[in-house]
Amino acid sequence: MTMKLRIACLLLACLPVATFPQNESHAVAKASAPGFLSFDELKVLAAVAEPKDILAGKLNEVLTTPFIGNDATINDIHPHRPTVEGLGSIVRAASWNIERGLNFHLIESALGNPEQFRREAGYENRAGDQVVQAQLSALQETDVLILNEVDLGMKRTEYRDVSRDLAAALHMNYAYGVEFVEVDPLFDLGIEKIDLPDKDEERRLEEDLKVDPARYHGLHGNAILSRYPIERARIVRLPVCYDWYGKETKAIATLEQGKRWSASKLFRERVKREVRRGGRMALIVDLAVPAFPTGRLTVISVHLENKCPPGCRQRQMKALLRVIQSIDNPIVLAGDLNTSGSDATPTSVRNEIMKRVTDYRFWVNQAIFWGSPISIPHYAIVPLRYFHQYLDPTAFHFPFFWENRERGLFRSVEKFRFSDGYAFDFRGTTERTLNNKQGTLANSNQRGRKGFVPTYAFERNYGGWIGNFKLDWFFVKPFIRDPRAPQQSYRFAPHFAITMNQLNQAVEDRISDHPPLTVDLPLEEPLALKTGSR
């Protein structure tokens, strides 16, 4: 063999595997989007219980039609498909509830530009720096990004189209589905008049709540970003567990009295109330992945209800499972399942403020009492059964004595079988986790000293004894028929799950109120692994 031929062979061997066949038959979805509602239409949606005729149709279109952009594929961007020792080429998937995109630039740089992240965060070397650096590096090779709480046209996020702007910055395709249209007449649309005793506060509040009608779209939902081409996207509306319009508008009658209240009482009203159209949903996206037998991967971004008993979240999950039962591709299902064990996920004062009011510092003085220990006595005094399920909503359930009301949701997922006979992976073996932990779902969701590593925490959690929750989850359907048997295939099975709390907390006041999660999914059957091999 001549020297030139040897060099040519070496170059061919180094070509990235992520190229797509010229004769790939799967069609790439064209760019699409529903029409936006006008500001006048949004005001009508805030005022009437049942929209009629044309407006009802336009609202339905917004709630059922995904936004799709395949610019990365059009611009010949290919997946990273990183290689991991022992696994070979993988799909690295990440899931992140980004808290509406409030810290957009930090989110963008954490996902795509570590140096910029360090500059913007003012982050310097300190204890834990190596862990943060490793988590930043892992995020850079993410090819599938699943997002919850994503804004489009909201003042609190500077009217950004958060999913589209992130996709452009990261050179990814995107699909976006609307969960809610935000129509609170005071705290979203800014059309209600408030009469406060302190006129300086009143003027400050009016300015803070004032919106730009030309830029306000009021959309909030789920997104999936991908370097693989998007073939199709659809929205599945889930069973209603809470009426975000009817029940929340009842507070408006109280607010009429509130026009004579102090700013502090008005603030408490704002924290309690979110007037919305829509409800919980799942965004289902098919991606072209030629490495699989069907040439396709299905990715699902889901957000379950927080203002309901755990039993209704289980009904929502069962409804979603019925919809996806016939899918014969590998599946990644991820998102915020709100598995808090209660009827509402508690949130910190800062996060509640930032949901609505851009200039949150103005309101801090009105809310100091919310941050005192007196404000959460019912979380400090809890029965033993609270600690039984603490950080592990998959733990066994025994009524009255060892209650775990979230257990039913996980049992439903574990028992579920797809039409092709395959199941979700519930395995947890030490050699396929980063920290040598084992147990239910340990390969797909990082476990800690007790239960799982939390994905939501109070600002004050008293050393971790209270106020920590595992709300965000990965469920993966690989090529297995038994959710737990370790002797089955590990192709596309979850490995080395990470919950990136260190990265999320590397900046003052956190990037988001939830950290990013990642999981590695090998495209071929991986090698035999040894404990702690990665």
Protein backbone atom coordinates (compact mmCIF):
# COMPACT_ATOMS: atom_id res chain seq x y z
CA MET A 1 0.00 0.00 0.00
CA THR A 2 1.42 3.41 -0.97
CA MET A 3 1.93 6.18 1.59
CA LYS A 4 -0.83 8.30 0.00
CA LEU A 5 -3.27 5.42 0.19
CA ARG A 6 -2.40 4.83 3.84
CA ILE A 7 -3.03 8.50 4.63
CA ALA A 8 -6.34 8.41 2.76
CA CYS A 9 -7.45 5.36 4.74
CA LEU A 10 -6.51 7.05 8.01
CA LEU A 11 -8.48 10.15 7.05
CA LEU A 12 -11.51 8.04 6.16
CA ALA A 13 -11.26 6.25 9.49
CA CYS A 14 -11.31 9.59 11.30
CA LEU A 15 -14.41 10.90 9.57
CA PRO A 16 -17.25 11.49 12.05
CA VAL A 17 -19.81 8.70 12.20
CA ALA A 18 -22.58 11.30 12.42
CA THR A 19 -22.90 11.80 8.66
CA PHE A 20 -26.31 11.04 7.21
CA PRO A 21 -26.86 8.82 4.18
CA GLN A 22 -27.59 10.65 0.94
CA ASN A 23 -30.55 8.36 0.31
CA GLU A 24 -32.11 8.77 3.77
CA SER A 25 -35.83 8.37 3.12
CA HIS A 26 -37.19 10.07 6.22
CA ALA A 27 -38.72 13.46 5.49
CA VAL A 28 -37.56 16.44 7.53
CA ALA A 29 -40.36 18.57 8.93
CA LYS A 30 -40.81 21.97 7.36
CA ALA A 31 -40.74 25.08 9.51
CA SER A 32 -44.17 25.74 10.98
CA ALA A 33 -45.91 27.74 13.69
CA PRO A 34 -49.46 28.59 14.78
CA GLY A 35 -50.65 32.15 14.45
CA PHE A 36 -50.17 34.42 17.44
CA LEU A 37 -53.14 35.85 19.33
CA SER A 38 -53.44 39.63 19.23
CA PHE A 39 -53.28 41.62 22.44
CA ASP A 40 -56.97 42.47 22.12
CA GLU A 41 -57.76 38.75 21.79
CA LEU A 42 -55.68 38.03 24.88
CA LYS A 43 -57.72 40.62 26.79
CA VAL A 44 -60.91 38.83 25.75
CA LEU A 45 -59.43 35.50 26.91
CA ALA A 46 -58.76 37.12 30.27
CA ALA A 47 -62.35 38.32 30.58
CA VAL A 48 -64.65 35.53 29.30
CA ALA A 49 -65.04 32.03 30.66
CA GLU A 50 -65.77 30.39 27.28
CA PRO A 51 -64.27 31.98 24.15
CA LYS A 52 -66.47 31.66 21.06
CA ASP A 53 -66.17 30.98 17.35
CA ILE A 54 -63.04 32.40 15.71
CA LEU A 55 -61.24 33.16 18.99
CA ALA A 56 -61.92 29.65 20.31
CA GLY A 57 -60.46 28.23 17.10
CA LYS A 58 -57.36 30.41 17.29
CA LEU A 59 -56.78 29.45 20.94
CA ASN A 60 -57.13 25.78 20.04
CA GLU A 61 -54.63 26.19 17.21
CA VAL A 62 -52.08 27.74 19.57
CA LEU A 63 -52.54 24.93 22.10
CA THR A 64 -52.34 22.07 19.59
CA THR A 65 -49.89 23.18 16.88
CA PRO A 66 -46.15 22.96 17.59
CA PHE A 67 -43.55 25.45 16.44
CA ILE A 68 -40.88 23.63 14.38
CA GLY A 69 -37.52 24.82 13.07
CA ASN A 70 -34.95 22.62 11.29
CA ASP A 71 -32.38 25.31 10.53
CA ALA A 72 -29.48 23.26 11.93
CA THR A 73 -30.16 20.44 9.48
CA ILE A 74 -30.69 22.90 6.62
CA ASN A 75 -27.30 24.41 7.48
CA ASP A 76 -25.67 20.93 7.47
CA ILE A 77 -25.07 20.77 11.23
CA HIS A 78 -24.53 17.19 12.38
CA PRO A 79 -24.82 15.65 15.86
CA HIS A 80 -21.75 15.56 18.08
CA ARG A 81 -22.25 11.86 18.91
CA PRO A 82 -19.52 11.83 21.55
CA THR A 83 -17.63 8.63 22.37
CA VAL A 84 -17.57 7.38 25.94
CA GLU A 85 -15.14 4.72 27.12
CA GLY A 86 -16.93 1.39 27.38
CA LEU A 87 -20.04 2.69 25.60
CA GLY A 88 -18.77 3.77 22.20
CA SER A 89 -20.78 6.40 20.32
CA ILE A 90 -23.70 7.77 22.30
CA VAL A 91 -26.64 10.10 22.22
CA ARG A 92 -26.26 12.40 25.20
CA ALA A 93 -29.65 13.73 26.29
CA ALA A 94 -30.24 16.54 28.76
CA SER A 95 -33.42 17.62 30.54
CA TRP A 96 -33.82 21.02 32.21
CA ASN A 97 -36.66 23.02 33.70
CA ILE A 98 -35.20 26.43 32.87
CA GLU A 99 -37.58 28.55 34.99
CA ARG A 100 -39.05 30.33 31.98
CA GLY A 101 -35.59 31.29 30.69
CA LEU A 102 -35.15 34.09 33.23
CA ASN A 103 -31.36 33.68 33.22
CA PHE A 104 -31.23 33.21 29.47
CA HIS A 105 -27.59 34.14 28.90
CA LEU A 106 -26.35 31.88 31.68
CA ILE A 107 -28.45 29.00 30.32
CA GLU A 108 -27.18 29.63 26.80
CA SER A 109 -23.52 29.76 27.81
CA ALA A 110 -23.76 26.76 30.18
CA LEU A 111 -25.08 24.71 27.25
CA GLY A 112 -22.81 26.05 24.55
CA ASN A 113 -19.91 28.23 25.70
CA PRO A 114 -18.12 27.36 28.98
CA GLU A 115 -15.69 30.26 28.74
CA GLN A 116 -18.52 32.74 28.29
CA PHE A 117 -20.35 31.10 31.21
CA ARG A 118 -17.38 31.63 33.49
CA ARG A 119 -17.13 35.27 32.44
CA GLU A 120 -20.84 36.04 32.78
CA ALA A 121 -21.11 34.20 36.08
CA GLY A 122 -18.02 35.86 37.52
CA TYR A 123 -17.00 32.32 38.36
CA GLU A 124 -13.44 31.73 39.55
CA ASN A 125 -11.60 28.60 40.64
CA ARG A 126 -12.72 27.45 44.06
CA ALA A 127 -13.73 24.30 45.92
CA GLY A 128 -15.78 22.09 43.63
CA ASP A 129 -14.44 23.71 40.47
CA GLN A 130 -13.44 20.39 38.92
CA VAL A 131 -16.97 19.04 39.28
CA VAL A 132 -18.43 22.16 37.69
CA GLN A 133 -15.92 21.99 34.83
CA ALA A 134 -16.79 18.35 34.20
CA GLN A 135 -20.52 19.12 34.16
CA LEU A 136 -19.99 22.04 31.79
CA SER A 137 -17.97 19.77 29.48
CA ALA A 138 -20.68 17.11 29.52
CA LEU A 139 -23.35 19.63 28.52
CA GLN A 140 -21.36 20.75 25.48
CA GLU A 141 -21.81 17.34 23.87
CA THR A 142 -25.57 17.18 24.33
CA ASP A 143 -27.37 16.34 21.09
CA VAL A 144 -30.92 16.18 22.52
CA LEU A 145 -32.14 18.85 24.94
CA ILE A 146 -35.54 18.52 26.66
CA LEU A 147 -36.88 21.70 28.27
CA ASN A 148 -39.74 22.65 30.61
CA GLU A 149 -41.06 26.13 31.49
CA VAL A 150 -40.05 27.91 28.29
CA ASP A 151 -41.37 31.40 27.52
CA LEU A 152 -42.30 33.00 24.23
CA GLY A 153 -43.23 36.68 24.20
CA MET A 154 -43.31 37.30 27.97
CA LYS A 155 -42.09 40.53 29.57
CA ARG A 156 -40.35 38.64 32.38
CA THR A 157 -37.99 37.10 29.78
CA GLU A 158 -37.64 40.26 27.68
CA TYR A 159 -40.19 39.02 25.10
CA ARG A 160 -37.76 36.39 23.81
CA ASP A 161 -38.72 33.32 21.85
CA VAL A 162 -36.59 31.33 24.28
CA SER A 163 -36.57 27.95 22.50
CA ARG A 164 -35.89 29.45 19.06
CA ASP A 165 -33.17 31.76 20.38
CA LEU A 166 -31.49 28.92 22.29
CA ALA A 167 -31.64 26.69 19.22
CA ALA A 168 -30.02 29.38 17.08
CA ALA A 169 -27.25 29.96 19.62
CA LEU A 170 -26.55 26.23 20.02
CA HIS A 171 -26.94 25.35 16.30
CA MET A 172 -29.80 22.95 16.98
CA ASN A 173 -33.21 22.23 15.51
CA TYR A 174 -36.19 22.88 17.78
CA ALA A 175 -39.82 22.11 18.44
CA TYR A 176 -41.93 24.06 20.90
CA GLY A 177 -45.38 23.32 22.29
CA VAL A 178 -47.57 25.78 24.22
CA GLU A 179 -48.67 24.64 27.66
CA PHE A 180 -50.32 27.88 28.78
CA VAL A 181 -51.39 31.24 27.39
CA GLU A 182 -50.80 33.66 30.27
CA VAL A 183 -53.71 36.12 30.57
CA ASP A 184 -53.80 37.47 34.11
CA PRO A 185 -55.29 40.98 33.57
CA LEU A 186 -53.04 42.54 36.20
CA PHE A 187 -49.86 40.50 36.49
CA ASP A 188 -49.52 39.51 32.81
CA LEU A 189 -51.44 41.95 30.64
CA GLY A 190 -51.06 44.95 32.93
CA ILE A 191 -54.55 46.27 32.14
CA GLU A 192 -56.00 46.39 35.68
CA LYS A 193 -55.87 49.62 37.66
CA ILE A 194 -54.53 49.37 41.20
CA ASP A 195 -55.17 52.01 43.85
CA LEU A 196 -52.54 51.83 46.62
CA PRO A 197 -52.30 54.18 49.61
CA ASP A 198 -48.65 54.86 48.80
CA LYS A 199 -48.74 56.60 45.40
CA ASP A 200 -44.99 56.17 44.85
CA GLU A 201 -45.44 52.41 45.21
CA GLU A 202 -48.45 52.58 42.94
CA ARG A 203 -46.51 54.36 40.17
CA ARG A 204 -43.61 51.96 40.55
CA LEU A 205 -45.93 48.96 40.33
CA GLU A 206 -47.76 50.32 37.26
CA GLU A 207 -44.47 50.80 35.46
CA ASP A 208 -43.25 47.37 36.48
CA LEU A 209 -46.40 45.63 35.23
CA LYS A 210 -46.77 47.60 32.01
CA VAL A 211 -46.27 45.45 28.89
CA ASP A 212 -45.63 46.14 25.22
CA PRO A 213 -48.82 45.00 23.40
CA ALA A 214 -46.94 44.58 20.12
CA ARG A 215 -44.41 42.14 21.61
CA TYR A 216 -46.50 40.34 24.21
CA HIS A 217 -47.61 36.84 23.14
CA GLY A 218 -48.05 35.31 26.59
CA LEU A 219 -46.90 31.78 25.73
CA HIS A 220 -45.31 29.27 28.10
CA GLY A 221 -44.54 25.63 27.36
CA ASN A 222 -42.18 22.73 26.62
CA ALA A 223 -39.44 22.44 24.02
CA ILE A 224 -37.11 19.88 22.47
CA LEU A 225 -33.85 20.94 20.82
CA SER A 226 -31.87 18.49 18.70
CA ARG A 227 -28.91 18.23 16.34
CA TYR A 228 -30.70 15.31 14.72
CA PRO A 229 -33.29 16.29 12.09
CA ILE A 230 -36.86 16.68 13.31
CA GLU A 231 -39.24 14.58 11.23
CA ARG A 232 -42.46 15.29 13.08
CA ALA A 233 -43.75 17.01 16.23
CA ARG A 234 -47.12 16.86 17.94
CA ILE A 235 -48.74 18.05 21.16
CA VAL A 236 -50.73 15.80 23.47
CA ARG A 237 -53.04 17.56 25.93
CA LEU A 238 -53.19 15.70 29.25
CA PRO A 239 -56.22 15.18 31.52
CA VAL A 240 -57.11 18.34 33.44
CA CYS A 241 -56.14 18.11 37.10
CA TYR A 242 -56.48 21.82 37.87
CA ASP A 243 -58.51 24.57 36.20
CA TRP A 244 -55.93 27.31 35.74
CA TYR A 245 -58.53 29.76 34.45
CA GLY A 246 -61.68 29.06 36.45
CA LYS A 247 -60.11 28.57 39.86
CA GLU A 248 -57.53 31.30 39.47
CA THR A 249 -60.04 33.94 38.27
CA LYS A 250 -61.99 33.48 41.50
CA ALA A 251 -59.17 35.40 43.15
CA ILE A 252 -59.96 38.43 40.98
CA ALA A 253 -63.08 39.18 43.02
CA THR A 254 -60.85 39.33 46.06
CA LEU A 255 -58.48 41.58 44.19
CA GLU A 256 -61.25 44.12 43.67
CA GLN A 257 -61.06 44.66 47.42
CA GLY A 258 -57.28 44.53 47.05
CA LYS A 259 -57.30 47.82 45.19
CA ARG A 260 -57.52 49.36 48.63
CA TRP A 261 -54.85 47.08 50.09
CA SER A 262 -51.25 47.76 50.89
CA ALA A 263 -48.54 46.65 48.47
CA SER A 264 -47.58 43.75 50.74
CA LYS A 265 -51.10 42.26 50.60
CA LEU A 266 -51.17 42.77 46.86
CA PHE A 267 -47.86 40.94 46.61
CA ARG A 268 -49.32 37.95 48.43
CA GLU A 269 -52.25 37.99 46.00
CA ARG A 270 -49.82 37.89 43.10
CA VAL A 271 -47.91 34.95 44.54
CA LYS A 272 -51.13 32.94 44.87
CA ARG A 273 -52.61 33.65 41.45
CA GLU A 274 -51.77 32.62 37.87
CA VAL A 275 -54.60 33.09 35.37
CA ARG A 276 -53.93 30.90 32.34
CA ARG A 277 -55.55 29.26 29.34
CA GLY A 278 -54.48 25.74 28.52
CA GLY A 279 -53.16 22.98 30.75
CA ARG A 280 -50.49 20.36 31.14
CA MET A 281 -49.25 18.68 27.98
CA ALA A 282 -46.54 16.60 26.37
CA LEU A 283 -44.53 17.48 23.27
CA ILE A 284 -43.66 14.40 21.19
CA VAL A 285 -40.92 14.68 18.55
CA ASP A 286 -39.58 12.09 16.12
CA LEU A 287 -35.91 12.50 15.24
CA ALA A 288 -34.06 10.93 12.30
CA VAL A 289 -31.33 8.71 13.81
CA PRO A 290 -30.04 6.34 11.08
CA ALA A 291 -28.20 4.15 13.63
CA PHE A 292 -31.48 2.61 14.81
CA PRO A 293 -33.41 -0.17 13.00
CA THR A 294 -36.35 2.14 12.35
CA GLY A 295 -34.04 5.09 11.63
CA ARG A 296 -35.91 7.08 14.25
CA LEU A 297 -35.79 8.17 17.92
CA THR A 298 -38.87 9.53 19.71
CA VAL A 299 -38.30 12.20 22.35
CA ILE A 300 -41.01 13.40 24.75
CA SER A 301 -40.98 16.53 26.90
CA VAL A 302 -43.68 16.34 29.58
CA HIS A 303 -44.75 18.57 32.48
CA LEU A 304 -47.25 17.12 34.96
CA GLU A 305 -49.55 19.11 37.23
CA ASN A 306 -48.35 20.47 40.57
CA LYS A 307 -51.70 21.75 41.88
CA CYS A 308 -53.35 18.38 42.34
CA PRO A 309 -53.10 15.19 44.41
CA PRO A 310 -50.49 12.64 43.25
CA GLY A 311 -53.28 10.38 41.95
CA CYS A 312 -54.13 12.85 39.20
CA ARG A 313 -50.51 13.02 38.08
CA GLN A 314 -50.69 9.26 37.75
CA ARG A 315 -53.78 9.63 35.53
CA GLN A 316 -51.92 12.14 33.37
CA MET A 317 -49.00 9.75 32.96
CA LYS A 318 -51.31 6.82 32.13
CA ALA A 319 -53.02 8.93 29.47
CA LEU A 320 -49.66 9.76 27.89
CA LEU A 321 -48.60 6.10 27.95
CA ARG A 322 -51.76 5.12 26.06
CA VAL A 323 -50.90 7.65 23.36
CA ILE A 324 -47.34 6.38 22.85
CA GLN A 325 -47.99 2.63 23.23
CA SER A 326 -47.75 1.86 19.50
CA ILE A 327 -44.41 3.66 19.00
CA ASP A 328 -41.81 1.08 17.93
CA ASN A 329 -38.75 3.36 18.19
CA PRO A 330 -36.44 3.84 21.15
CA ILE A 331 -37.95 6.56 23.36
CA VAL A 332 -36.60 9.19 25.74
CA LEU A 333 -39.32 10.60 27.98
CA ALA A 334 -38.23 13.35 30.38
CA GLY A 335 -39.43 16.39 32.24
CA ASP A 336 -40.75 17.88 35.45
CA LEU A 337 -43.24 15.38 36.86
CA ASN A 338 -43.83 17.43 40.05
CA THR A 339 -43.47 14.31 42.21
CA SER A 340 -43.49 16.23 45.48
CA GLY A 341 -45.94 13.92 47.25
CA SER A 342 -48.33 16.84 47.76
CA ASP A 343 -50.88 19.05 46.01
CA ALA A 344 -48.47 21.86 45.20
CA THR A 345 -44.77 22.19 44.63
CA PRO A 346 -43.40 24.75 47.12
CA THR A 347 -41.30 27.52 45.69
CA SER A 348 -38.96 30.09 47.13
CA VAL A 349 -39.81 33.77 47.46
CA ARG A 350 -37.31 34.83 44.85
CA ASN A 351 -38.67 32.36 42.28
CA GLU A 352 -42.26 33.36 42.93
CA ILE A 353 -41.34 36.99 42.43
CA MET A 354 -39.39 36.33 39.28
CA LYS A 355 -42.28 34.43 37.72
CA ARG A 356 -44.07 37.68 37.16
CA VAL A 357 -42.26 40.83 38.14
CA THR A 358 -39.07 41.80 36.34
CA ASP A 359 -37.90 44.30 38.92
CA TYR A 360 -38.10 41.82 41.79
CA ARG A 361 -35.93 43.93 44.16
CA PHE A 362 -38.81 46.36 44.55
CA TRP A 363 -40.88 43.58 46.09
CA VAL A 364 -38.30 41.99 48.35
CA ASN A 365 -39.07 44.31 51.25
CA GLN A 366 -42.73 43.38 50.95
CA ALA A 367 -41.92 39.68 51.27
CA ILE A 368 -39.27 39.38 53.96
CA PHE A 369 -41.63 37.56 56.25
CA TRP A 370 -42.02 34.82 53.62
CA GLY A 371 -38.38 33.84 54.08
CA SER A 372 -38.46 33.48 57.85
CA PRO A 373 -38.57 30.06 59.53
CA ILE A 374 -42.05 30.93 60.85
CA SER A 375 -43.37 30.85 57.29
CA ILE A 376 -42.83 27.11 56.86
CA PRO A 377 -43.54 25.44 60.20
CA HIS A 378 -45.58 22.71 58.52
CA TYR A 379 -42.45 21.56 56.70
CA ALA A 380 -40.34 21.54 59.86
CA ILE A 381 -42.72 19.25 61.77
CA VAL A 382 -43.45 16.23 59.64
CA PRO A 383 -44.45 12.62 60.31
CA LEU A 384 -42.04 9.75 59.87
CA ARG A 385 -43.77 8.76 56.64
CA TYR A 386 -42.50 12.00 55.09
CA PHE A 387 -38.92 10.78 55.56
CA HIS A 388 -39.84 7.34 54.21
CA GLN A 389 -40.43 8.81 50.74
CA TYR A 390 -38.06 11.77 51.19
CA LEU A 391 -36.06 12.06 47.95
CA ASP A 392 -37.37 8.70 46.76
CA PRO A 393 -40.91 8.84 45.37
CA THR A 394 -40.33 5.33 43.97
CA ALA A 395 -40.23 3.88 47.52
CA PHE A 396 -42.87 1.30 48.49
CA HIS A 397 -46.31 2.45 49.62
CA PHE A 398 -48.19 1.14 52.64
CA PRO A 399 -51.33 3.13 53.52
CA PHE A 400 -51.30 5.19 56.73
CA PHE A 401 -47.98 3.86 58.04
CA TRP A 402 -45.44 4.21 55.19
CA GLU A 403 -47.35 6.28 52.69
CA ASN A 404 -45.90 7.21 49.35
CA ARG A 405 -48.67 8.56 47.17
CA GLU A 406 -46.36 9.06 44.18
CA ARG A 407 -45.54 5.35 44.02
CA GLY A 408 -48.50 4.62 41.72
CA LEU A 409 -47.06 6.78 38.93
CA PHE A 410 -43.79 4.84 38.87
CA ARG A 411 -45.56 1.50 39.11
CA SER A 412 -47.66 2.49 36.08
CA VAL A 413 -44.53 3.28 34.06
CA GLU A 414 -42.73 0.12 35.15
CA LYS A 415 -45.66 -2.19 34.35
CA PHE A 416 -46.31 -0.55 30.99
CA ARG A 417 -45.50 -2.48 27.82
CA PHE A 418 -45.34 -1.09 24.32
CA SER A 419 -47.03 -2.85 21.43
CA ASP A 420 -43.66 -4.28 20.37
CA GLY A 421 -43.24 -5.87 23.81
CA TYR A 422 -40.50 -3.52 25.00
CA ALA A 423 -40.49 -1.66 28.33
CA PHE A 424 -39.00 1.36 30.07
CA ASP A 425 -35.63 0.70 31.72
CA PHE A 426 -35.81 0.67 35.54
CA ARG A 427 -32.38 -0.93 36.07
CA GLY A 428 -29.82 0.43 38.47
CA THR A 429 -26.43 -1.29 38.53
CA THR A 430 -23.25 0.11 40.07
CA GLU A 431 -21.06 -0.23 36.97
CA ARG A 432 -23.46 1.91 34.93
CA THR A 433 -23.63 4.85 37.37
CA LEU A 434 -21.02 7.51 38.05
CA ASN A 435 -21.10 7.19 41.83
CA ASN A 436 -21.43 3.39 42.11
CA LYS A 437 -24.98 3.63 43.45
CA GLN A 438 -27.56 1.01 42.64
CA GLY A 439 -31.33 0.67 42.88
CA THR A 440 -34.48 1.48 40.95
CA LEU A 441 -33.80 3.85 38.02
CA ALA A 442 -30.21 4.52 39.17
CA ASN A 443 -28.86 4.17 35.62
CA SER A 444 -31.19 6.87 34.29
CA ASN A 445 -31.56 9.16 37.35
CA GLN A 446 -28.68 9.84 39.71
CA ARG A 447 -29.06 8.46 43.21
CA GLY A 448 -27.50 10.01 46.30
CA ARG A 449 -26.88 9.09 49.93
CA LYS A 450 -30.62 8.74 50.47
CA GLY A 451 -32.92 8.25 47.55
CA PHE A 452 -32.19 10.37 44.48
CA VAL A 453 -30.17 13.55 44.11
CA PRO A 454 -32.78 16.33 44.46
CA THR A 455 -33.77 18.49 41.51
CA TYR A 456 -35.53 21.19 43.53
CA ALA A 457 -34.64 22.68 46.89
CA PHE A 458 -35.81 25.43 49.20
CA GLU A 459 -33.33 28.24 49.71
CA ARG A 460 -33.46 27.21 53.37
CA ASN A 461 -33.46 23.44 53.62
CA TYR A 462 -31.95 23.06 57.09
CA GLY A 463 -29.00 20.96 56.04
CA GLY A 464 -31.04 18.95 53.57
CA TRP A 465 -33.46 17.62 56.20
CA ILE A 466 -36.45 19.28 54.54
CA GLY A 467 -37.35 21.14 51.38
CA ASN A 468 -35.53 18.91 48.85
CA PHE A 469 -37.48 17.19 46.08
CA LYS A 470 -36.81 14.86 43.16
CA LEU A 471 -39.21 16.35 40.63
CA ASP A 472 -37.44 15.85 37.28
CA TRP A 473 -37.00 12.42 35.66
CA PHE A 474 -35.69 10.44 32.70
CA PHE A 475 -37.52 7.34 31.44
CA VAL A 476 -35.86 5.50 28.55
CA LYS A 477 -37.25 2.74 26.34
CA PRO A 478 -34.32 0.76 24.90
CA PHE A 479 -34.46 -2.77 23.47
CA ILE A 480 -35.55 -4.65 26.62
CA ARG A 481 -38.67 -6.57 27.64
CA ASP A 482 -38.14 -6.66 31.41
CA PRO A 483 -37.71 -3.31 33.21
CA ARG A 484 -35.21 -4.70 35.75
CA ALA A 485 -33.41 -7.84 34.50
CA PRO A 486 -29.70 -6.94 34.17
CA GLN A 487 -28.86 -9.67 31.62
CA GLN A 488 -30.66 -7.87 28.77
CA SER A 489 -29.31 -5.62 26.03
CA TYR A 490 -27.77 -2.29 27.00
CA ARG A 491 -28.00 -0.77 23.55
CA PHE A 492 -29.56 2.68 23.96
CA ALA A 493 -30.08 1.86 27.65
CA PRO A 494 -29.41 4.71 30.10
CA HIS A 495 -25.93 5.09 31.60
CA PHE A 496 -24.06 7.50 33.86
CA ALA A 497 -26.93 9.82 34.80
CA ILE A 498 -25.91 13.17 36.29
CA THR A 499 -27.94 15.74 38.22
CA MET A 500 -25.90 18.94 37.86
CA ASN A 501 -26.62 20.77 41.10
CA GLN A 502 -23.00 21.92 41.41
CA LEU A 503 -23.14 23.65 38.03
CA ASN A 504 -26.58 25.11 38.71
CA GLN A 505 -25.36 26.55 42.03
CA ALA A 506 -22.03 27.79 40.70
CA VAL A 507 -23.55 31.26 40.36
CA GLU A 508 -25.21 33.39 42.99
CA ASP A 509 -28.93 32.59 43.32
CA ARG A 510 -28.66 29.62 40.89
CA ILE A 511 -29.10 29.51 37.12
CA SER A 512 -32.60 28.03 37.45
CA ASP A 513 -34.70 26.67 40.30
CA HIS A 514 -34.06 23.21 38.78
CA PRO A 515 -30.64 21.84 37.69
CA PRO A 516 -29.94 20.22 34.31
CA LEU A 517 -29.87 16.41 34.12
CA THR A 518 -28.00 14.30 31.56
CA VAL A 519 -27.92 10.63 30.57
CA ASP A 520 -25.77 8.73 28.04
CA LEU A 521 -27.45 6.36 25.56
CA PRO A 522 -25.11 4.07 23.54
CA LEU A 523 -25.98 3.65 19.87
CA GLU A 524 -24.54 0.12 19.77
CA GLU A 525 -24.24 -2.68 22.33
CA PRO A 526 -21.63 -1.42 24.84
CA LEU A 527 -18.69 -3.39 26.16
CA ALA A 528 -18.83 -5.13 29.53
CA LEU A 529 -18.22 -2.49 32.21
CA LYS A 530 -16.44 -2.66 35.52
CA THR A 531 -17.59 -0.80 38.62
CA GLY A 532 -16.36 2.80 38.48
CA SER A 533 -15.08 2.35 34.92
CA ARG A 534 -15.91 5.88 33.86
